[in-house]
Amino acid sequence: MNLVYLSPNFPHHYHQFCKNLKLLGVNVLGVGDAPFDELDPMVKDALTEYYRLTDMHDYDQLVRACGYYTHRYGKIDRCESLNEYWLATEARIRDDFNITGIRGRGIDFIKRKSMMKGRFQSAGIPVAVGRVVSTVDEARGLVKITGYPVVAKPDAGVGALDTFRLDNAADLEAFFCAKPAEDYIMEEFIVGRIVSFDGLADADGNLVFFTAHRFSQGIMETVNQARHIHYTSLRDIPPALEKAGRRCVQAFDVRERFFHIEFFETAPGKYVALEVNMRPPGGFTTDMFNFACDIDVYHLWAQVMVNGRTELDYRRRYHCCYASRKNRYDYRNSHDQVMEKYRPFMVQAASVPGVFSSALGDFGYIFRSPDMEQIDEIVGYIQATK
């Protein structure tokens, strides 16, 4: 098998996906714009070959890279990045080189929030009232239906970048005065807690692995208000959440892919769909999969890519939590105190790369316990400020 992997050096820990492909005999053919000599040795070792571009956004260069690999290794069987930013580029390459996976005709349903709504509704999942708005008059018309506040976000955006809560007419006017040129969707503001249904589907759409996470608040609030965030995997998934998640996986025809589906939990057992992401959940969540269940999800994905399916017998042994810290805060308890008090629960503690810091903080702790009360205690100790 020949697999082209875009930007294999980002995020850094994703080299484990490449490593496990290579262990299964796959030619892992990296394409990126970083100089080869600057790649981490672990990334280099995970690749069969690396083709450097001067600009990853220059599609002609990408075509030449794939043409080179086709000449050298034969037909390209897969093109992946596991990164939302490159989903549309992957689809275009698959179209041009006749590669299995999501093609251009299907990309808008997993990139554009406005088009996701129809798929969610076909799965019987409620969605926020909203639509793409191009003018302030169109927005005012929507607000007559929804009332304030509303949320404005790029229709094809990544994460919470350039996402805004508008609380009144003045906010609306100010937004349109500075609105970027891209399409924006505006929706009613839903009051509820963010939860996610996450996992991996095989070539037939069967769930090889799945779990769920509960978030302290949305990424929009975290980024725009410079707040802490913590989120925790659940040992027991609420039946209504699992049912909604499975319906969405089927509605979006998820195959040979990770998925990260976000909902608002508006009341116990009541969920409103937020958005779907056809890639692993962000940050270090793939590591959290492993810590929570004592599995190797990187190897699991590689097996699915090579064989189309795999078997996994697993239990959610622990709640696994990520809790952030930000440099701007003065904390009551030092890092050394945190580690001394809770070392038996800690599985990872590290600085966060700058590109992720607005959402994930400047420093992150990952810890696990079978007891949710213990998780909450550790979060409180880590994030307590003076």
Protein backbone atom coordinates (compact mmCIF):
# COMPACT_ATOMS: atom_id res chain seq x y z
CA MET A 1 0.00 0.00 0.00
CA ASN A 2 1.15 3.54 -0.83
CA LEU A 3 -0.19 6.30 1.41
CA VAL A 4 0.55 9.99 0.89
CA TYR A 5 0.51 11.84 4.22
CA LEU A 6 0.25 15.63 4.18
CA SER A 7 2.22 17.63 6.78
CA PRO A 8 3.49 14.58 8.70
CA ASN A 9 5.25 16.85 11.22
CA PHE A 10 2.05 18.54 12.45
CA PRO A 11 0.83 18.05 15.04
CA HIS A 12 3.98 16.44 16.34
CA HIS A 13 2.46 13.43 18.11
CA TYR A 14 0.66 12.35 14.91
CA HIS A 15 3.90 10.83 13.66
CA GLN A 16 2.65 7.78 15.59
CA PHE A 17 0.00 7.25 12.92
CA CYS A 18 2.74 7.18 10.27
CA LYS A 19 4.97 4.94 12.38
CA ASN A 20 2.27 2.31 12.76
CA LEU A 21 1.46 2.36 9.05
CA LYS A 22 5.12 1.76 8.27
CA LEU A 23 5.25 -1.12 10.77
CA LEU A 24 2.44 -2.76 8.78
CA GLY A 25 4.44 -2.51 5.57
CA VAL A 26 2.89 0.64 4.11
CA ASN A 27 4.97 3.06 2.05
CA VAL A 28 4.32 6.25 4.03
CA LEU A 29 5.03 9.08 1.59
CA GLY A 30 5.27 12.43 3.35
CA VAL A 31 4.55 15.77 1.70
CA GLY A 32 5.25 18.99 3.58
CA ASP A 33 6.89 22.39 3.49
CA ALA A 34 9.29 21.94 6.41
CA PRO A 35 12.92 21.27 5.45
CA PHE A 36 13.75 17.60 5.86
CA ASP A 37 16.72 18.36 8.12
CA GLU A 38 14.39 20.19 10.51
CA LEU A 39 12.00 17.26 10.94
CA ASP A 40 12.06 15.50 14.29
CA PRO A 41 13.99 12.19 14.02
CA MET A 42 10.82 10.33 15.04
CA VAL A 43 8.97 11.87 12.10
CA LYS A 44 11.79 10.96 9.71
CA ASP A 45 11.84 7.37 10.96
CA ALA A 46 8.07 7.08 10.46
CA LEU A 47 8.28 7.95 6.75
CA THR A 48 9.38 5.93 3.75
CA GLU A 49 10.22 9.11 1.86
CA TYR A 50 9.63 12.85 2.18
CA TYR A 51 8.90 15.34 -0.60
CA ARG A 52 9.35 18.98 0.33
CA LEU A 53 7.25 21.76 -1.19
CA THR A 54 7.92 25.47 -0.90
CA ASP A 55 4.18 26.14 -0.43
CA MET A 56 1.59 23.57 0.65
CA HIS A 57 -1.13 25.85 -0.72
CA ASP A 58 0.28 25.61 -4.26
CA TYR A 59 -1.80 22.79 -5.68
CA ASP A 60 0.44 22.37 -8.72
CA GLN A 61 3.31 21.50 -6.37
CA LEU A 62 1.13 18.94 -4.62
CA VAL A 63 0.22 17.35 -7.96
CA ARG A 64 3.90 17.13 -8.90
CA ALA A 65 4.68 15.50 -5.55
CA CYS A 66 1.95 12.90 -6.03
CA GLY A 67 3.07 12.37 -9.63
CA TYR A 68 6.61 11.73 -8.45
CA TYR A 69 5.40 9.22 -5.88
CA THR A 70 3.20 7.48 -8.46
CA HIS A 71 6.16 7.12 -10.82
CA ARG A 72 8.40 5.82 -8.04
CA TYR A 73 6.03 3.56 -6.08
CA GLY A 74 3.00 2.93 -8.29
CA LYS A 75 -0.62 3.91 -7.71
CA ILE A 76 -1.36 5.94 -4.59
CA ASP A 77 -3.88 4.03 -2.47
CA ARG A 78 -4.68 6.63 0.18
CA CYS A 79 -4.15 10.33 0.88
CA GLU A 80 -4.53 11.48 4.49
CA SER A 81 -3.50 14.17 6.94
CA LEU A 82 -5.93 13.59 9.85
CA ASN A 83 -6.03 17.38 9.98
CA GLU A 84 -9.19 19.38 9.34
CA TYR A 85 -7.26 22.15 7.60
CA TRP A 86 -6.32 19.84 4.70
CA LEU A 87 -9.63 17.96 4.26
CA ALA A 88 -10.58 19.80 1.07
CA THR A 89 -7.06 19.42 -0.33
CA GLU A 90 -7.14 15.68 0.37
CA ALA A 91 -10.48 15.40 -1.45
CA ARG A 92 -9.11 17.22 -4.50
CA ILE A 93 -6.05 14.96 -4.64
CA ARG A 94 -8.30 11.89 -4.36
CA ASP A 95 -10.36 13.15 -7.29
CA ASP A 96 -7.32 13.78 -9.47
CA PHE A 97 -5.52 10.52 -8.64
CA ASN A 98 -8.61 8.28 -8.23
CA ILE A 99 -7.89 7.50 -4.60
CA THR A 100 -10.32 5.86 -2.17
CA GLY A 101 -11.91 8.18 0.42
CA ILE A 102 -13.96 11.36 0.65
CA ARG A 103 -14.07 13.08 -2.75
CA GLY A 104 -14.76 16.64 -3.77
CA ARG A 105 -18.48 16.06 -4.23
CA GLY A 106 -18.83 15.17 -0.55
CA ILE A 107 -16.49 17.61 1.11
CA ASP A 108 -19.00 20.44 1.69
CA PHE A 109 -21.15 18.18 3.87
CA ILE A 110 -18.28 17.79 6.34
CA LYS A 111 -16.72 21.25 5.96
CA ARG A 112 -19.68 23.65 5.76
CA LYS A 113 -21.70 23.97 8.93
CA SER A 114 -24.75 25.09 6.97
CA MET A 115 -24.76 21.82 5.00
CA MET A 116 -24.19 19.67 8.08
CA LYS A 117 -27.62 20.71 9.35
CA GLY A 118 -29.45 18.64 6.75
CA ARG A 119 -27.50 15.51 7.62
CA PHE A 120 -28.11 16.01 11.33
CA GLN A 121 -31.84 16.49 10.71
CA SER A 122 -31.95 13.35 8.56
CA ALA A 123 -30.56 11.52 11.61
CA GLY A 124 -33.40 12.94 13.71
CA ILE A 125 -31.09 15.22 15.73
CA PRO A 126 -32.27 18.79 16.50
CA VAL A 127 -30.06 21.65 15.28
CA ALA A 128 -29.74 25.32 16.14
CA VAL A 129 -31.86 27.65 14.04
CA GLY A 130 -29.56 29.47 11.66
CA ARG A 131 -28.36 30.07 8.12
CA VAL A 132 -25.64 31.72 6.07
CA VAL A 133 -26.03 35.49 6.13
CA SER A 134 -24.29 37.86 3.72
CA THR A 135 -25.73 41.22 4.78
CA VAL A 136 -26.77 42.94 7.98
CA ASP A 137 -30.36 42.97 6.73
CA GLU A 138 -30.31 39.17 6.31
CA ALA A 139 -28.92 38.89 9.83
CA ARG A 140 -31.61 41.16 11.24
CA GLY A 141 -34.22 38.95 9.60
CA LEU A 142 -32.77 35.90 11.32
CA VAL A 143 -32.62 37.67 14.69
CA LYS A 144 -36.35 38.38 14.43
CA ILE A 145 -36.77 34.60 14.58
CA THR A 146 -34.06 33.65 17.08
CA GLY A 147 -33.68 36.75 19.24
CA TYR A 148 -30.34 37.66 20.85
CA PRO A 149 -27.76 36.41 21.52
CA VAL A 150 -26.65 34.81 18.26
CA VAL A 151 -23.36 33.21 17.26
CA ALA A 152 -21.57 34.12 14.02
CA LYS A 153 -18.92 31.74 12.72
CA PRO A 154 -17.23 30.93 9.40
CA ASP A 155 -19.33 28.43 7.49
CA ALA A 156 -16.21 26.46 6.63
CA GLY A 157 -14.11 27.47 9.62
CA VAL A 158 -11.73 25.40 11.72
CA GLY A 159 -12.34 25.29 15.47
CA ALA A 160 -13.46 28.56 17.07
CA LEU A 161 -11.29 30.83 14.93
CA ASP A 162 -13.09 34.11 14.12
CA THR A 163 -16.23 33.01 15.97
CA PHE A 164 -18.28 35.63 17.83
CA ARG A 165 -21.20 35.91 20.20
CA LEU A 166 -23.41 38.90 19.37
CA ASP A 167 -25.61 40.07 22.23
CA ASN A 168 -27.43 43.05 20.72
CA ALA A 169 -27.96 45.22 17.66
CA ALA A 170 -24.75 47.18 18.31
CA ASP A 171 -22.72 43.96 18.29
CA LEU A 172 -24.41 42.96 15.04
CA GLU A 173 -23.57 46.26 13.37
CA ALA A 174 -19.98 46.11 14.58
CA PHE A 175 -19.58 42.56 13.31
CA PHE A 176 -20.71 43.45 9.80
CA CYS A 177 -18.45 46.49 9.74
CA ALA A 178 -15.44 44.22 10.23
CA LYS A 179 -16.77 40.94 8.79
CA PRO A 180 -14.22 38.90 6.82
CA ALA A 181 -15.01 38.23 3.17
CA GLU A 182 -15.73 34.52 3.72
CA ASP A 183 -19.21 33.03 4.18
CA TYR A 184 -20.56 33.26 7.72
CA ILE A 185 -23.34 31.27 9.30
CA MET A 186 -25.36 32.84 12.09
CA GLU A 187 -27.25 30.73 14.61
CA GLU A 188 -29.32 31.04 17.73
CA PHE A 189 -27.32 30.77 20.94
CA ILE A 190 -27.96 27.40 22.55
CA VAL A 191 -27.64 27.13 26.32
CA GLY A 192 -26.11 23.80 27.18
CA ARG A 193 -22.95 21.92 27.96
CA ILE A 194 -20.67 20.79 25.11
CA VAL A 195 -20.29 17.03 24.80
CA SER A 196 -18.78 14.97 22.03
CA PHE A 197 -19.12 11.51 20.54
CA ASP A 198 -15.74 10.38 19.24
CA GLY A 199 -14.29 7.30 17.65
CA LEU A 200 -13.12 5.36 14.62
CA ALA A 201 -15.19 3.60 11.95
CA ASP A 202 -14.01 0.81 9.68
CA ALA A 203 -14.48 0.47 5.92
CA ASP A 204 -18.06 -0.74 6.37
CA GLY A 205 -19.01 2.04 8.77
CA ASN A 206 -18.88 -0.16 11.86
CA LEU A 207 -17.57 1.46 15.04
CA VAL A 208 -14.21 -0.05 15.94
CA PHE A 209 -13.85 2.27 18.91
CA PHE A 210 -15.97 5.03 20.43
CA THR A 211 -16.10 7.18 23.52
CA ALA A 212 -17.50 10.51 24.69
CA HIS A 213 -16.16 13.69 26.31
CA ARG A 214 -17.71 16.44 28.41
CA PHE A 215 -16.25 19.97 28.18
CA SER A 216 -16.11 22.71 30.78
CA GLN A 217 -17.19 25.22 28.13
CA GLY A 218 -17.06 25.74 24.38
CA ILE A 219 -13.88 26.59 22.51
CA MET A 220 -15.42 29.95 21.53
CA GLU A 221 -15.59 31.03 25.17
CA THR A 222 -12.15 29.58 25.87
CA VAL A 223 -10.51 31.52 23.03
CA ASN A 224 -12.45 34.79 23.14
CA GLN A 225 -12.40 35.12 26.93
CA ALA A 226 -8.93 33.59 27.53
CA ARG A 227 -10.46 31.09 29.94
CA HIS A 228 -9.18 27.79 31.24
CA ILE A 229 -10.56 24.64 29.72
CA HIS A 230 -10.85 21.10 30.91
CA TYR A 231 -12.56 18.16 29.31
CA THR A 232 -13.02 14.60 30.46
CA SER A 233 -13.79 11.26 28.85
CA LEU A 234 -16.78 9.38 30.22
CA ARG A 235 -16.55 5.79 31.38
CA ASP A 236 -20.29 5.35 30.87
CA ILE A 237 -21.81 7.06 27.84
CA PRO A 238 -25.39 8.28 28.30
CA PRO A 239 -27.60 6.02 26.13
CA ALA A 240 -29.25 8.98 24.41
CA LEU A 241 -25.84 10.44 23.48
CA GLU A 242 -24.63 7.12 22.09
CA LYS A 243 -27.85 6.77 20.09
CA ALA A 244 -27.51 10.28 18.65
CA GLY A 245 -23.83 9.71 17.88
CA ARG A 246 -24.45 6.43 16.09
CA ARG A 247 -27.22 8.01 14.03
CA CYS A 248 -24.85 10.80 12.98
CA VAL A 249 -22.08 8.36 12.01
CA GLN A 250 -24.59 6.63 9.75
CA ALA A 251 -26.03 9.86 8.34
CA PHE A 252 -22.56 11.15 7.41
CA ASP A 253 -21.54 7.73 6.05
CA VAL A 254 -18.33 7.63 8.07
CA ARG A 255 -15.94 5.00 6.71
CA GLU A 256 -12.27 4.34 7.45
CA ARG A 257 -12.15 7.56 9.43
CA PHE A 258 -12.05 9.06 12.86
CA PHE A 259 -14.98 11.23 13.82
CA HIS A 260 -15.56 13.98 16.38
CA ILE A 261 -19.21 14.97 16.68
CA GLU A 262 -20.16 17.82 18.98
CA PHE A 263 -23.51 18.38 20.70
CA PHE A 264 -25.07 20.76 23.17
CA GLU A 265 -26.48 18.84 26.13
CA THR A 266 -29.46 21.09 26.92
CA ALA A 267 -30.89 18.78 29.61
CA PRO A 268 -30.22 15.21 30.73
CA GLY A 269 -30.78 13.03 27.66
CA LYS A 270 -31.48 16.02 25.36
CA TYR A 271 -28.97 16.89 22.63
CA VAL A 272 -28.73 19.52 19.91
CA ALA A 273 -26.17 18.88 17.16
CA LEU A 274 -23.38 21.45 16.88
CA GLU A 275 -21.01 20.17 14.19
CA VAL A 276 -19.18 17.13 12.88
CA ASN A 277 -15.46 16.77 12.23
CA MET A 278 -14.15 13.94 10.08
CA ARG A 279 -10.80 13.67 11.81
CA PRO A 280 -9.52 12.82 15.28
CA PRO A 281 -10.58 15.23 18.02
CA GLY A 282 -8.02 17.97 18.53
CA GLY A 283 -5.24 18.51 21.00
CA PHE A 284 -3.95 15.39 22.73
CA THR A 285 -7.27 13.55 22.69
CA THR A 286 -5.92 10.57 20.76
CA ASP A 287 -3.46 10.04 23.60
CA MET A 288 -6.38 10.34 26.02
CA PHE A 289 -8.16 7.53 24.13
CA ASN A 290 -5.17 5.34 24.90
CA PHE A 291 -4.82 6.39 28.55
CA ALA A 292 -8.53 5.89 29.26
CA CYS A 293 -8.73 2.39 27.81
CA ASP A 294 -5.14 1.10 27.78
CA ILE A 295 -5.20 0.72 23.99
CA ASP A 296 -3.12 1.94 21.03
CA VAL A 297 -5.43 3.92 18.78
CA TYR A 298 -2.56 4.80 16.43
CA HIS A 299 -2.03 1.12 15.63
CA LEU A 300 -5.78 0.61 15.46
CA TRP A 301 -6.16 3.27 12.76
CA ALA A 302 -3.26 1.80 10.78
CA GLN A 303 -4.93 -1.62 10.84
CA VAL A 304 -8.17 -0.10 9.53
CA MET A 305 -6.30 1.66 6.73
CA VAL A 306 -4.48 -1.51 5.68
CA ASN A 307 -7.18 -4.13 6.24
CA GLY A 308 -10.40 -2.11 6.18
CA ARG A 309 -11.35 -3.42 9.60
CA THR A 310 -9.95 -4.70 12.87
CA GLU A 311 -11.12 -6.20 16.12
CA LEU A 312 -10.71 -4.44 19.46
CA ASP A 313 -11.82 -5.69 22.84
CA TYR A 314 -11.64 -2.74 25.21
CA ARG A 315 -13.12 -1.24 28.35
CA ARG A 316 -13.21 2.37 29.43
CA ARG A 317 -11.18 1.77 32.56
CA TYR A 318 -10.70 5.41 33.53
CA HIS A 319 -12.05 8.89 33.12
CA CYS A 320 -9.21 10.71 31.38
CA CYS A 321 -9.05 14.50 31.72
CA TYR A 322 -7.16 17.34 30.08
CA ALA A 323 -6.82 20.52 32.17
CA SER A 324 -5.07 23.65 30.95
CA ARG A 325 -3.13 26.46 32.53
CA LYS A 326 -2.42 29.90 31.05
CA ASN A 327 0.66 32.02 31.64
CA ARG A 328 -1.48 35.08 32.35
CA TYR A 329 -2.82 33.64 35.63
CA ASP A 330 -1.19 33.47 39.06
CA TYR A 331 -1.89 29.99 40.39
CA ARG A 332 -2.38 29.01 44.00
CA ASN A 333 -0.49 25.75 43.57
CA SER A 334 2.82 25.43 41.74
CA HIS A 335 3.53 22.84 39.08
CA ASP A 336 5.77 20.97 41.53
CA GLN A 337 2.96 20.92 44.08
CA VAL A 338 0.53 19.58 41.49
CA MET A 339 2.89 16.79 40.50
CA GLU A 340 3.80 15.90 44.08
CA LYS A 341 0.17 15.69 45.21
CA TYR A 342 -1.28 13.91 42.17
CA ARG A 343 1.63 12.09 40.55
CA PRO A 344 -0.07 8.65 40.68
CA PHE A 345 -2.87 10.02 38.49
CA MET A 346 -0.71 11.97 36.03
CA VAL A 347 0.08 10.49 32.62
CA GLN A 348 1.30 13.60 30.79
CA ALA A 349 2.26 17.18 31.64
CA ALA A 350 3.73 19.38 28.95
CA SER A 351 3.88 22.81 27.34
CA VAL A 352 1.39 23.37 24.52
CA PRO A 353 2.65 24.43 21.07
CA GLY A 354 1.83 28.10 20.44
CA VAL A 355 -0.59 27.44 17.59
CA PHE A 356 -2.84 25.51 20.02
CA SER A 357 -2.40 27.67 23.10
CA SER A 358 -5.43 29.94 22.59
CA ALA A 359 -7.68 26.89 22.90
CA LEU A 360 -5.62 24.49 25.01
CA GLY A 361 -3.69 26.87 27.26
CA ASP A 362 0.05 27.30 27.58
CA PHE A 363 0.50 24.15 29.66
CA GLY A 364 -1.63 21.04 29.85
CA TYR A 365 -2.05 18.19 32.32
CA ILE A 366 -3.52 14.82 31.37
CA PHE A 367 -4.54 12.56 34.23
CA ARG A 368 -6.86 9.64 34.81
CA SER A 369 -8.95 8.04 37.53
CA PRO A 370 -11.90 5.65 37.63
CA ASP A 371 -13.61 8.15 39.96
CA MET A 372 -15.12 11.34 38.51
CA GLU A 373 -15.02 13.04 41.92
CA GLN A 374 -11.26 12.51 41.96
CA ILE A 375 -11.02 14.06 38.48
CA ASP A 376 -12.96 17.13 39.61
CA GLU A 377 -10.73 17.49 42.67
CA ILE A 378 -7.57 17.45 40.54
CA VAL A 379 -9.01 19.98 38.08
CA GLY A 380 -9.84 22.31 40.94
CA TYR A 381 -6.33 22.03 42.38
CA ILE A 382 -4.64 22.64 39.02
CA GLN A 383 -6.75 25.62 37.99
CA ALA A 384 -7.18 27.38 41.36
CA THR A 385 -5.90 30.95 41.14
CA LYS A 386 -4.78 33.34 43.87
